[in-house]
Protein backbone atom coordinates (compact mmCIF):
# COMPACT_ATOMS: atom_id res chain seq x y z
CA MET A 1 -10.10 -0.85 -8.99
CA VAL A 2 -7.27 -2.54 -10.90
CA PRO A 3 -3.77 -1.67 -9.74
CA ALA A 4 -1.46 -0.05 -12.30
CA PRO A 5 1.14 -2.42 -13.75
CA ARG A 6 4.51 -2.05 -12.23
CA ASP A 7 7.17 -0.27 -14.18
CA PRO A 8 9.63 -3.03 -15.29
CA ARG A 9 12.46 -0.43 -15.37
CA LEU A 10 12.43 -0.39 -11.54
CA TRP A 11 14.10 -3.85 -11.50
CA PRO A 12 17.29 -4.98 -13.14
CA ALA A 13 17.10 -7.62 -15.78
CA GLY A 14 15.85 -10.89 -14.35
CA GLY A 15 12.98 -9.42 -12.39
CA PRO A 16 12.52 -8.73 -8.69
CA SER A 17 13.76 -12.08 -7.39
CA ALA A 18 17.09 -11.69 -9.15
CA ALA A 19 17.41 -8.19 -7.82
CA LEU A 20 16.77 -9.30 -4.23
CA GLU A 21 19.13 -12.20 -4.50
CA ALA A 22 21.90 -9.82 -5.77
CA MET A 23 21.53 -7.66 -2.68
CA SER A 24 23.88 -8.13 0.19
CA SER A 25 23.89 -6.71 3.67
CA LYS A 26 26.19 -3.92 2.52
CA ASP A 27 23.42 -2.72 0.21
CA VAL A 28 20.97 -2.24 3.04
CA ILE A 29 20.83 1.03 5.01
CA SER A 30 20.59 0.37 8.72
CA MET A 31 17.81 2.11 10.43
CA ARG A 32 16.49 2.40 14.00
CA VAL A 33 13.27 0.57 14.04
CA LEU A 34 10.68 0.76 16.84
CA VAL A 35 8.14 -2.09 16.76
CA VAL A 36 5.23 -1.30 19.03
CA TYR A 37 2.37 -3.73 19.71
CA GLU A 38 -0.82 -4.03 21.64
CA SER A 39 -1.92 -7.59 22.23
CA MET A 40 -5.00 -8.78 23.99
CA TYR A 41 -4.41 -12.51 23.79
CA GLY A 42 -0.67 -12.69 22.89
CA ASN A 43 -1.02 -13.40 19.19
CA THR A 44 -0.14 -9.85 18.05
CA HIS A 45 2.84 -9.91 20.41
CA VAL A 46 4.08 -13.08 18.65
CA VAL A 47 3.70 -11.49 15.22
CA ALA A 48 5.40 -8.31 16.37
CA SER A 49 8.30 -10.34 17.83
CA ASN A 50 8.69 -12.23 14.56
CA ILE A 51 8.77 -8.95 12.60
CA ALA A 52 11.35 -7.50 15.01
CA ASP A 53 13.49 -10.61 14.67
CA GLY A 54 13.40 -10.44 10.88
CA LEU A 55 14.46 -6.78 10.91
CA ARG A 56 17.30 -7.35 13.35
CA ALA A 57 19.48 -8.88 10.67
CA THR A 58 20.12 -5.44 9.18
CA HIS A 59 18.61 -2.90 11.58
CA GLU A 60 18.72 -1.81 15.18
CA VAL A 61 15.35 -2.86 16.56
CA THR A 62 13.47 -2.06 19.76
CA LEU A 63 10.31 -4.07 20.57
CA VAL A 64 7.98 -2.57 23.17
CA PRO A 65 4.35 -2.88 24.22
CA VAL A 66 2.39 0.37 23.46
CA ALA A 67 2.41 1.26 27.21
CA ASP A 68 6.20 1.55 27.01
CA ALA A 69 6.37 3.55 23.77
CA THR A 70 7.73 6.82 25.09
CA ALA A 71 8.01 10.00 23.02
CA ASP A 72 11.78 9.60 23.12
CA LEU A 73 11.63 6.07 21.68
CA ILE A 74 9.28 7.26 18.94
CA GLY A 75 11.35 10.36 18.18
CA GLN A 76 14.61 8.38 17.82
CA ALA A 77 13.09 5.84 15.41
CA ASP A 78 13.68 6.01 11.68
CA LEU A 79 10.82 3.54 11.17
CA LEU A 80 7.80 2.91 13.39
CA VAL A 81 6.07 -0.45 13.00
CA ASP A 82 2.71 -0.54 14.74
CA GLY A 83 1.31 -3.96 15.49
CA GLU A 84 -2.12 -4.05 16.99
CA SER A 85 -5.31 -6.03 16.83
CA SER A 86 -8.33 -4.53 15.06
CA ARG A 87 -9.80 -3.87 18.47
CA ALA A 88 -6.84 -1.70 19.48
CA ARG A 89 -6.53 0.46 16.36
CA ARG A 90 -6.76 3.60 18.46
CA TRP A 91 -3.17 3.14 19.65
CA GLY A 92 -1.78 3.47 16.10
CA ALA A 93 -3.31 6.88 15.69
CA ALA A 94 -2.07 8.05 19.10
CA LEU A 95 1.48 6.81 18.39
CA ALA A 96 1.51 8.48 15.00
CA ALA A 97 0.23 11.76 16.43
CA ALA A 98 2.94 11.69 19.13
CA ALA A 99 5.56 11.28 16.43
CA GLY A 100 4.02 13.99 14.25
CA LEU A 101 2.99 11.49 11.52
CA ALA A 102 -0.11 11.44 9.37
CA VAL A 103 -2.36 8.36 9.73
CA PRO A 104 -3.95 6.98 6.59
CA ALA A 105 -7.62 6.07 6.90
CA ALA A 106 -8.18 2.39 7.55
């Protein structure tokens, strides 16, 4: 399947890179982000930490292992980032269900 071409009207003149460069922190809406991870060997934890660090510039971020992802934390989040290995995919479905979200098929 070939993806549909992007609508050039979505970006100002100069393309996406010019649009991103023109953005400032005042243009970004701050959200409460919950980054949840399950890591067997530590690699997914490192990736989740890096994602959380990148989001902290403009958002309030909480990073927790899946065992510490309470219903309150999930309910307060505007954005849920689920980082898990392919062996732990069951956690993503459980987290989404707890938050009342639909899970797309993998």
